[in-house]
Protein backbone atom coordinates (compact mmCIF):
# COMPACT_ATOMS: atom_id res chain seq x y z
CA MET A 1 4.66 -13.22 -6.59
CA PHE A 2 5.13 -12.35 -10.27
CA THR A 3 6.33 -8.84 -10.86
CA THR A 4 7.89 -7.16 -13.87
CA SER A 5 9.54 -4.43 -11.85
CA PRO A 6 13.24 -4.71 -11.08
CA THR A 7 14.43 -4.99 -7.52
CA ARG A 8 16.43 -1.76 -6.96
CA VAL A 9 19.49 -2.21 -4.73
CA MET A 10 21.54 0.79 -3.64
CA VAL A 11 25.33 0.09 -3.27
CA LEU A 12 26.25 2.66 -0.70
CA THR A 13 29.91 3.60 -0.20
CA CYS A 14 30.10 5.00 3.33
CA SER A 15 33.56 6.39 3.91
CA THR A 16 34.07 10.03 2.96
CA ARG A 17 37.71 10.16 3.74
CA PRO A 18 40.01 11.20 0.87
CA GLY A 19 41.90 8.21 -0.40
CA SER A 20 39.47 5.65 1.15
CA LEU A 21 39.39 2.15 -0.19
CA GLY A 22 35.63 2.35 -0.29
CA PRO A 23 35.13 3.37 -3.96
CA ALA A 24 37.51 0.63 -5.20
CA ILE A 25 35.68 -2.03 -3.11
CA ALA A 26 32.22 -0.82 -4.23
CA ASP A 27 33.49 -0.97 -7.84
CA TRP A 28 34.72 -4.54 -7.39
CA PHE A 29 31.36 -5.53 -5.85
CA THR A 30 29.21 -4.04 -8.62
CA THR A 31 31.47 -5.44 -11.36
CA THR A 32 31.48 -8.88 -9.81
CA VAL A 33 27.70 -9.22 -9.27
CA SER A 34 26.38 -7.32 -12.28
CA PRO A 35 25.90 -10.48 -14.43
CA LEU A 36 24.00 -12.10 -11.56
CA ALA A 37 21.88 -8.94 -10.99
CA ALA A 38 20.73 -9.12 -14.58
CA ARG A 39 19.64 -12.74 -14.14
CA LEU A 40 17.88 -11.96 -10.88
CA GLY A 41 16.03 -8.92 -12.27
CA ALA A 42 17.88 -6.54 -9.99
CA ARG A 43 19.21 -3.08 -10.75
CA LEU A 44 22.25 -1.85 -8.90
CA GLN A 45 22.39 1.89 -8.01
CA PRO A 46 25.80 2.91 -6.76
CA LEU A 47 25.96 6.01 -4.49
CA SER A 48 28.77 7.50 -2.42
CA LEU A 49 28.15 9.47 0.79
CA ALA A 50 31.15 11.63 -0.16
CA GLU A 51 29.36 12.74 -3.32
CA LEU A 52 26.03 13.20 -1.49
CA ALA A 53 27.69 15.56 0.95
CA LEU A 54 25.11 15.44 3.69
CA PRO A 55 25.96 17.86 6.55
CA PHE A 56 25.42 16.76 10.07
CA LEU A 57 21.60 16.39 10.70
CA ASP A 58 20.22 19.99 10.42
CA GLU A 59 16.45 19.45 10.20
CA GLU A 60 14.31 21.08 12.86
CA GLU A 61 11.60 18.38 12.78
CA HIS A 62 12.29 14.81 13.97
CA PRO A 63 13.01 12.40 11.04
CA SER A 64 9.98 10.23 12.08
CA SER A 65 7.70 13.22 11.10
CA GLY A 66 8.75 12.96 7.45
CA ILE A 67 8.76 16.80 7.33
CA TYR A 68 11.92 17.88 5.54
CA ARG A 69 12.82 21.52 4.63
CA ARG A 70 16.46 21.23 3.43
CA PRO A 71 17.04 20.49 -0.22
CA HIS A 72 19.76 17.90 0.68
CA THR A 73 17.36 16.04 2.96
CA LYS A 74 14.61 15.95 0.31
CA ARG A 75 17.10 14.61 -2.21
CA TRP A 76 18.34 11.96 0.22
CA SER A 77 14.79 10.95 1.06
CA GLU A 78 13.88 10.49 -2.58
CA LEU A 79 16.97 8.37 -3.24
CA VAL A 80 16.37 6.09 -0.29
CA ASP A 81 12.59 5.87 -0.83
CA ALA A 82 13.11 4.85 -4.48
CA VAL A 83 15.10 1.68 -3.82
CA ASP A 84 14.13 -1.74 -2.33
CA GLY A 85 17.30 -2.60 -0.47
CA PHE A 86 20.88 -1.65 0.30
CA ILE A 87 24.35 -3.09 0.22
CA VAL A 88 26.58 -0.98 2.42
CA VAL A 89 30.32 -0.81 1.75
CA THR A 90 31.75 0.25 5.11
CA PRO A 91 35.11 0.41 6.88
CA GLU A 92 35.52 0.11 10.64
CA TYR A 93 36.48 3.10 12.61
CA ASN A 94 37.39 2.55 16.35
CA TYR A 95 35.22 -0.51 16.83
CA GLY A 96 32.20 1.11 15.05
CA MET A 97 30.64 2.46 11.85
CA PRO A 98 31.95 5.67 10.25
CA ALA A 99 30.24 8.91 11.35
CA PRO A 100 28.83 9.67 7.86
CA LEU A 101 26.95 6.41 7.75
CA LYS A 102 25.39 7.06 11.20
CA ASN A 103 24.54 10.60 10.17
CA ALA A 104 22.94 9.36 6.85
CA LEU A 105 20.84 6.78 8.69
CA ASP A 106 19.72 9.31 11.26
CA TYR A 107 18.43 11.76 8.61
CA LEU A 108 15.36 9.65 7.71
CA GLY A 109 12.64 7.53 9.13
CA LYS A 110 9.95 5.61 7.26
CA GLU A 111 12.04 5.47 4.00
CA TRP A 112 14.23 2.79 5.47
CA ALA A 113 11.39 0.58 6.71
CA TRP A 114 11.13 -3.12 5.65
CA LYS A 115 14.19 -3.03 3.32
CA PRO A 116 17.12 -5.44 3.52
CA MET A 117 20.57 -4.20 4.29
CA GLY A 118 23.59 -6.27 3.38
CA PHE A 119 27.28 -5.42 4.18
CA ILE A 120 30.59 -5.41 2.47
CA SER A 121 33.00 -4.54 5.23
CA TYR A 122 36.79 -4.00 5.26
CA GLY A 123 39.39 -3.38 7.91
CA ASN A 124 42.49 -4.77 9.53
CA THR A 125 42.14 -7.15 12.52
CA SER A 126 38.41 -7.78 12.35
CA ALA A 127 37.92 -7.09 8.59
CA GLY A 128 35.34 -4.44 9.54
CA THR A 129 32.94 -6.87 11.21
CA ARG A 130 32.62 -4.67 14.33
CA SER A 131 31.39 -1.89 12.17
CA VAL A 132 28.72 -4.23 10.76
CA GLN A 133 27.61 -5.20 14.24
CA HIS A 134 27.38 -1.61 15.25
CA THR A 135 25.36 -0.75 12.18
CA LYS A 136 22.94 -3.61 12.65
CA GLU A 137 21.89 -2.22 16.09
CA VAL A 138 20.86 1.11 14.46
CA ALA A 139 19.44 -0.52 11.31
CA THR A 140 16.95 -2.71 13.23
CA THR A 141 15.64 0.33 15.09
CA LEU A 142 14.83 1.89 11.71
CA ARG A 143 12.98 -1.33 10.69
CA LEU A 144 15.69 -2.19 8.17
CA VAL A 145 16.34 -5.88 7.96
CA PRO A 146 20.06 -6.84 8.17
CA LEU A 147 21.18 -9.82 6.10
CA GLY A 148 23.07 -12.82 7.40
CA ALA A 149 25.21 -13.08 4.25
CA THR A 150 28.20 -10.66 4.35
CA VAL A 151 31.57 -10.04 2.73
CA ALA A 152 34.40 -9.17 5.15
CA LEU A 153 37.70 -8.12 3.51
CA ARG A 154 40.91 -8.06 5.57
CA ILE A 155 42.92 -5.29 3.98
CA HIS A 156 46.27 -7.06 4.31
CA ASP A 157 44.99 -10.18 2.59
CA ALA A 158 42.43 -8.93 0.09
CA ILE A 159 43.68 -5.53 -1.10
CA VAL A 160 46.65 -5.18 -3.54
CA ASP A 161 47.68 -1.77 -4.93
CA GLY A 162 44.47 -0.16 -3.84
CA ARG A 163 42.21 -2.80 -5.44
CA VAL A 164 40.45 -6.00 -4.38
CA ARG A 165 42.46 -9.15 -5.24
CA ARG A 166 39.93 -11.32 -7.19
CA SER A 167 39.33 -14.69 -5.63
CA PRO A 168 36.62 -17.31 -6.05
CA ARG A 169 35.84 -17.12 -2.37
CA HIS A 170 35.23 -13.41 -2.30
CA ASP A 171 33.32 -13.44 -5.61
CA ALA A 172 31.02 -16.17 -4.30
CA ALA A 173 30.45 -14.24 -1.06
CA ALA A 174 29.62 -11.10 -3.04
CA GLU A 175 27.05 -13.04 -5.14
CA GLY A 176 25.65 -14.54 -1.89
CA VAL A 177 24.93 -11.10 -0.49
CA LEU A 178 23.16 -9.99 -3.62
CA ARG A 179 21.07 -13.16 -3.83
CA GLU A 180 19.91 -12.72 -0.29
CA ALA A 181 19.20 -9.00 -0.62
CA VAL A 182 16.96 -9.71 -3.66
CA ARG A 183 15.19 -12.67 -2.07
CA VAL A 184 14.52 -10.80 1.29
CA SER A 185 13.51 -7.58 -0.55
CA ARG A 186 10.81 -9.48 -2.45
CA ALA A 187 9.62 -11.25 0.69
CA LEU A 188 9.35 -7.87 2.47
CA ARG A 189 7.45 -6.15 -0.32
CA PRO A 190 3.98 -6.67 1.27
CA LEU A 191 5.09 -4.78 4.37
CA ARG A 192 6.48 -1.98 2.20
CA GLU A 193 3.24 -1.89 0.23
CA ALA A 194 1.25 -1.58 3.39
CA LEU A 195 3.25 1.53 4.46
CA GLY A 196 1.81 3.45 1.51
CA GLN A 197 -1.74 2.18 1.78
CA ASP A 198 -4.52 4.72 1.16
CA ASP A 199 -7.43 2.60 2.32
CA ALA A 200 -6.56 1.08 5.64
CA GLU A 201 -10.13 -0.09 6.21
CA GLY A 202 -10.40 -2.36 3.19
CA PRO A 203 -13.36 -4.71 2.57
CA VAL A 204 -11.24 -7.59 3.93
CA PRO A 205 -8.85 -7.51 6.91
CA GLY A 206 -5.39 -6.54 6.08
CA SER A 207 -6.16 -5.18 2.60
CA HIS A 208 -5.28 -1.82 1.11
CA THR A 209 -5.65 -0.03 -2.23
CA ARG A 210 -3.31 1.83 -4.44
CA VAL A 211 -3.14 3.18 -7.98
CA MET A 212 -1.10 0.77 -10.20
CA THR A 213 1.58 1.44 -12.71
CA PRO A 214 3.04 -0.53 -15.68
CA ASP A 215 5.40 -2.09 -13.18
CA ASP A 216 2.43 -4.10 -11.88
CA ALA A 217 1.64 -5.66 -15.24
CA GLY A 218 2.79 -9.10 -14.07
CA GLU A 219 0.36 -9.28 -11.17
CA VAL A 220 -2.44 -7.81 -13.29
CA THR A 221 -1.86 -10.43 -15.98
CA VAL A 222 -2.16 -13.24 -13.48
CA LEU A 223 -5.33 -11.79 -11.94
CA GLN A 224 -6.98 -11.38 -15.32
CA ARG A 225 -6.32 -14.99 -16.32
CA CYS A 226 -7.74 -16.27 -13.08
CA CYS A 227 -10.83 -14.15 -13.29
CA TRP A 228 -11.86 -14.30 -16.93
CA VAL A 229 -11.87 -18.14 -17.12
CA ASP A 230 -15.40 -17.95 -15.66
CA GLU A 231 -16.35 -15.31 -18.18
CA ALA A 232 -15.06 -17.58 -20.97
CA LEU A 233 -17.12 -20.48 -19.74
CA ASP A 234 -20.31 -18.43 -19.20
CA ASN A 235 -20.14 -16.90 -22.62
CA ASP A 236 -18.77 -19.88 -24.59
CA SER A 237 -15.83 -17.94 -25.91
CA LEU A 238 -12.08 -17.80 -25.41
CA ALA A 239 -11.77 -14.65 -27.52
CA LEU A 240 -11.62 -12.39 -24.51
CA ALA A 241 -8.91 -9.73 -24.36
CA PRO A 242 -8.01 -10.33 -20.71
CA LEU A 243 -7.19 -13.94 -21.46
CA ARG A 244 -5.07 -13.14 -24.54
CA GLU A 245 -3.04 -10.15 -23.50
CA SER A 246 0.66 -10.34 -22.90
CA VAL A 247 2.38 -8.69 -19.99
CA ASP A 248 3.56 -5.98 -22.38
CA ASP A 249 -0.05 -5.43 -23.55
CA VAL A 250 -1.13 -5.00 -19.94
CA ALA A 251 1.68 -2.63 -19.20
CA ARG A 252 0.60 -0.44 -22.10
CA TRP A 253 -2.94 -0.05 -21.01
CA LEU A 254 -1.91 0.51 -17.36
CA SER A 255 -0.17 3.63 -18.65
CA GLN A 256 -3.42 4.81 -20.29
CA TRP A 257 -6.02 3.97 -17.63
CA ARG A 258 -6.19 4.87 -13.89
CA THR A 259 -6.28 1.43 -12.35
CA THR A 260 -6.84 0.86 -8.63
CA GLY A 261 -5.67 -2.40 -7.23
CA LEU A 262 -6.65 -4.08 -3.93
CA TRP A 263 -3.80 -5.83 -2.23
CA ARG A 264 -3.59 -8.21 0.65
CA ASP A 265 -0.31 -9.70 2.01
CA GLY A 266 1.50 -8.70 -1.18
CA ARG A 267 -1.09 -10.29 -3.45
CA LEU A 268 -3.25 -8.42 -5.93
CA ILE A 269 -6.78 -9.73 -5.19
CA ALA A 270 -9.00 -7.30 -7.13
CA MET A 271 -8.82 -4.32 -9.47
CA VAL A 272 -10.80 -1.79 -11.54
CA ARG A 273 -9.80 0.66 -14.21
CA VAL A 274 -11.28 4.02 -15.23
CA ARG A 275 -10.75 6.85 -17.72
CA HIS A 276 -12.51 9.91 -19.07
CA GLU A 277 -13.92 10.17 -22.63
CA GLY A 278 -15.29 13.68 -22.64
CA ARG A 279 -18.02 13.93 -20.08
CA THR A 280 -18.49 10.11 -20.04
CA GLY A 281 -16.46 7.92 -17.69
CA ARG A 282 -15.48 4.42 -18.72
CA ILE A 283 -15.25 1.64 -16.16
CA GLY A 284 -13.52 -1.65 -17.04
CA ARG A 285 -11.60 -4.72 -15.89
CA LEU A 286 -13.45 -5.02 -12.59
CA ALA A 287 -12.01 -8.26 -11.32
CA VAL A 288 -12.01 -10.11 -7.95
CA ALA A 289 -9.83 -13.17 -7.34
CA PRO A 290 -12.11 -16.27 -7.38
CA ASP A 291 -11.31 -17.16 -3.74
CA MET A 292 -12.14 -13.61 -2.53
CA ARG A 293 -15.63 -13.33 -4.08
CA GLY A 294 -18.83 -12.91 -2.05
CA VAL A 295 -17.55 -10.42 0.54
CA GLY A 296 -18.46 -7.15 -1.25
CA ILE A 297 -15.14 -6.39 -2.86
CA GLY A 298 -16.49 -5.90 -6.45
CA ARG A 299 -19.28 -3.54 -5.20
CA ARG A 300 -16.80 -1.63 -3.14
CA LEU A 301 -14.42 -1.11 -6.09
CA LEU A 302 -17.26 -0.28 -8.48
CA ARG A 303 -18.42 2.49 -6.18
CA ARG A 304 -14.86 3.76 -5.82
CA ALA A 305 -14.57 3.86 -9.64
CA GLU A 306 -17.75 5.97 -9.91
CA ALA A 307 -16.37 8.27 -7.23
CA ASP A 308 -13.12 8.77 -9.13
CA LEU A 309 -15.13 9.74 -12.25
CA ALA A 310 -17.86 11.81 -10.67
CA ALA A 311 -16.05 15.21 -10.67
CA GLU A 312 -15.52 15.28 -14.45
CA CYS A 313 -18.26 13.03 -15.81
CA ASP A 314 -22.06 13.24 -16.20
CA ARG A 315 -22.40 9.55 -17.07
CA VAL A 316 -20.49 6.27 -16.67
CA GLU A 317 -20.53 3.20 -18.93
CA LEU A 318 -19.22 -0.32 -18.75
CA SER A 319 -19.60 -3.61 -20.64
CA THR A 320 -19.80 -7.29 -19.89
CA GLY A 321 -20.65 -10.58 -21.53
CA ALA A 322 -24.29 -11.09 -22.44
CA LYS A 323 -24.41 -14.29 -20.45
CA SER A 324 -22.44 -12.96 -17.47
CA THR A 325 -25.55 -13.02 -15.31
CA ARG A 326 -23.75 -12.34 -12.03
CA ASN A 327 -21.98 -9.28 -13.44
CA ILE A 328 -25.19 -7.95 -14.93
CA ALA A 329 -27.08 -8.41 -11.61
CA LEU A 330 -24.39 -6.51 -9.71
CA TYR A 331 -24.44 -3.65 -12.14
CA ARG A 332 -28.18 -3.35 -12.14
CA SER A 333 -28.27 -3.40 -8.38
CA GLU A 334 -25.94 -0.36 -8.54
CA GLY A 335 -28.23 1.57 -10.85
CA PHE A 336 -26.86 0.70 -14.29
CA VAL A 337 -29.38 0.02 -17.11
CA ILE A 338 -28.75 -1.95 -20.22
CA ASP A 339 -28.24 0.33 -23.26
CA THR A 340 -27.39 -2.03 -26.07
CA GLU A 341 -26.43 -5.62 -26.75
CA GLU A 342 -24.26 -6.59 -29.79
CA ASP A 343 -21.96 -9.55 -30.70
CA GLY A 344 -22.51 -11.17 -27.26
CA VAL A 345 -21.58 -8.05 -25.28
CA VAL A 346 -23.92 -6.04 -23.12
CA HIS A 347 -23.29 -2.29 -22.73
CA LEU A 348 -24.66 -0.62 -19.57
CA GLY A 349 -24.79 3.01 -18.47
CA LYS A 350 -25.72 5.18 -15.51
CA ALA A 351 -26.19 8.94 -15.15
CA LEU A 352 -24.25 10.42 -12.32
CA THR A 353 -26.15 12.65 -9.95
CA ARG A 354 -24.63 15.33 -7.68
CA ASP A 355 -25.97 16.99 -4.60
CA LEU A 356 -27.21 20.41 -5.48
CA PRO A 357 -25.53 23.26 -3.60
CA THR A 358 -27.39 24.51 -0.55
CA GLU A 359 -29.04 27.89 -1.03
CA PRO A 360 -27.65 30.53 1.31
CA ALA A 361 -29.90 31.56 4.14
CA PRO A 362 -31.67 34.92 3.65
CA PRO A 363 -30.32 37.83 5.74
CA VAL A 364 -32.03 38.37 9.05
CA GLY A 365 -33.49 41.82 9.93
C-alpha cells in the first residue's frame, strides 16, 4: 500500500518515579533509531507519563463508551488516537508493570485498537521481561497487538552512570523493534480504517467511505493512473491531468476539494471529489478501480456527491472525454444533459430539485 503519510510511533516512558532510569533509556532509544525512522517514513513522538500526570481513573462513564468529561482524559485520548503505534519504555515493579502504565491503559478504549505495541524493558534479574508479559495480557484485551521484537536491558550490565552503555547488540535490538512496529502498523491500517467507517453498508462487502486528506495522495495517484488509462485509449490522448499529476499535485488538490474515498481491506477502490462554485457544484475525478467496475460503485458515489452538494447548490456540473461513451451513458442515466462540447471534452449539467416544504394543516374548529 502506497502512502505519503508518516507512521506515527509514540515512545512512551512509563515510570513516574523521581530519578527513574526511564527518561534516559527513552532518550537512548529515540537517538539510536532516529536515522532508521527517517528511512522508514516513521515519526517518533516521545511522551512521559510523568509529564502527562494522569490521576487515577476518574471518569464516570466506562472507557468503552468513549464519553470523556475530564480535560486530562480528552487530551490523553487525542494523543493516543493520533498515533499509529507505541514503543513502551517500562521498568518491572514486583513482577509486573508500573501502576501508572496500567492506569493509562485503563483510561481509554477504542483509541488503542489495532495498533502495535513494542517494549523496551529494564530491571535487575529479569531485565523487566515480567513487566512486559504482564502488560501484554492487558494490551491484547484492548486490541493492541504486542510485538515479538523487544529490548530487555539488565541494569547491572547495560546502565553506566545513569545512561545506557552503547553496544551493537542493543542498538540492533532497538532498530528491530522499530522496524517491526512500522511493518505491523502498516499491515493493521485496514482494521484501523474500518473503525472510523461512516458507510458500513458499502456497495461491496467490507467496504467503507471516508473523506480523504492530502496524506492520502499516494493512494489517489495510484488509483488515477489505473483508471485513466482507459480514458486515454478511448479519447486518443495522453494529455489527461490524472495521468500526469505528481503526488504533490494530488496533495494540493486534495486540500482544495472535498474528496470521498471508498476503501476495502486498506485499498482505495473508488473516489469522487466535489466543491462549490457559488450556487453551482462541481463533481470531478469519479473513478472506480478497473477490477471493481460493474457493481454500481460509480453510480453510488455520484449520487453521494450530489447529496453532498444539494444543500448549497442549485445545479451540478461535471465533464468527461467526448469519446468516453460509458461515462456519458452513466451521467445521462442519472439525469445529466450535455451542455457543451469543446476540445474533445463534454460538459454536462443537472438542476438539483428539492422537496417543497409541506403546508401546515389548517386549524380545526
